């Protein structure tokens, strides 16, 4: 979502709430000058991307040994 700096000033609490779910780009004179985002969003997305990397039929120790063999 993209909003103007004036819009952000007028409705700060609304955009703080929205920033929990999506990035908000703040523009001034038609150029993006800032980004309002949830600092934990990147961590959540990273964790989601890691689910399923280790197959269900392998133990953690076996996965570690396989990883060590590839290094």
Protein backbone atom coordinates (compact mmCIF):
# COMPACT_ATOMS: atom_id res chain seq x y z
CA UNK A 1 0.00 0.00 0.00
CA UNK A 2 1.23 3.49 -0.77
CA UNK A 3 0.07 6.63 1.03
CA UNK A 4 1.16 10.25 1.24
CA UNK A 5 2.94 11.68 4.27
CA UNK A 6 -0.07 13.95 4.87
CA UNK A 7 -2.40 10.92 4.91
CA UNK A 8 -0.11 9.19 7.41
CA UNK A 9 -0.15 12.24 9.69
CA UNK A 10 -3.95 12.40 9.57
CA UNK A 11 -4.53 8.70 10.26
CA UNK A 12 -1.44 7.43 12.05
CA UNK A 13 -3.18 4.89 14.30
CA UNK A 14 -5.02 3.36 11.32
CA UNK A 15 -1.78 2.85 9.40
CA UNK A 16 0.09 1.52 12.44
CA UNK A 17 -2.57 -1.19 12.69
CA UNK A 18 -2.41 -1.94 8.98
CA UNK A 19 1.38 -2.17 9.07
CA UNK A 20 1.05 -5.31 11.20
CA UNK A 21 -0.34 -7.09 8.13
CA UNK A 22 1.27 -5.35 5.16
CA UNK A 23 4.04 -2.93 4.24
CA UNK A 24 3.02 0.69 3.86
CA UNK A 25 5.10 2.96 1.64
CA UNK A 26 4.99 6.66 2.48
CA UNK A 27 5.39 9.07 -0.41
CA UNK A 28 6.21 12.73 -0.56
CA UNK A 29 6.05 14.65 -3.84
CA UNK A 30 5.40 11.37 -5.62
CA UNK A 31 8.55 9.64 -4.36
CA UNK A 32 8.76 6.91 -1.74
CA UNK A 33 10.51 8.32 1.32
CA UNK A 34 9.80 5.68 3.97
CA UNK A 35 8.39 2.23 4.62
CA UNK A 36 6.26 1.30 7.61
CA UNK A 37 6.38 -2.42 8.33
CA UNK A 38 6.12 -5.05 11.01
CA UNK A 39 9.65 -5.86 12.25
CA UNK A 40 8.66 -9.45 13.03
CA UNK A 41 7.18 -10.17 9.59
CA UNK A 42 10.53 -11.18 8.08
CA UNK A 43 11.15 -13.66 10.88
CA UNK A 44 7.74 -15.23 10.47
CA UNK A 45 8.17 -15.59 6.71
CA UNK A 46 11.62 -17.10 7.19
CA UNK A 47 10.29 -19.63 9.69
CA UNK A 48 7.43 -20.54 7.34
CA UNK A 49 9.88 -21.12 4.51
CA UNK A 50 11.87 -23.56 6.66
CA UNK A 51 8.92 -25.85 7.47
CA UNK A 52 9.17 -29.03 5.49
CA UNK A 53 12.89 -28.82 4.72
CA UNK A 54 13.68 -31.87 6.85
CA UNK A 55 11.63 -34.84 5.63
CA UNK A 56 9.31 -36.45 8.17
CA UNK A 57 10.98 -39.87 7.78
CA UNK A 58 14.45 -38.72 8.93
CA UNK A 59 15.63 -38.01 12.46
CA UNK A 60 17.27 -34.78 13.45
CA UNK A 61 20.57 -36.58 14.05
CA UNK A 62 20.45 -38.12 10.57
CA UNK A 63 19.75 -34.71 9.04
CA UNK A 64 22.70 -33.20 10.95
CA UNK A 65 25.00 -36.02 9.79
CA UNK A 66 23.89 -35.57 6.19
CA UNK A 67 24.50 -31.84 6.44
CA UNK A 68 27.96 -32.40 7.95
CA UNK A 69 28.85 -34.75 5.07
CA UNK A 70 28.00 -32.03 2.55
CA UNK A 71 30.20 -29.38 4.14
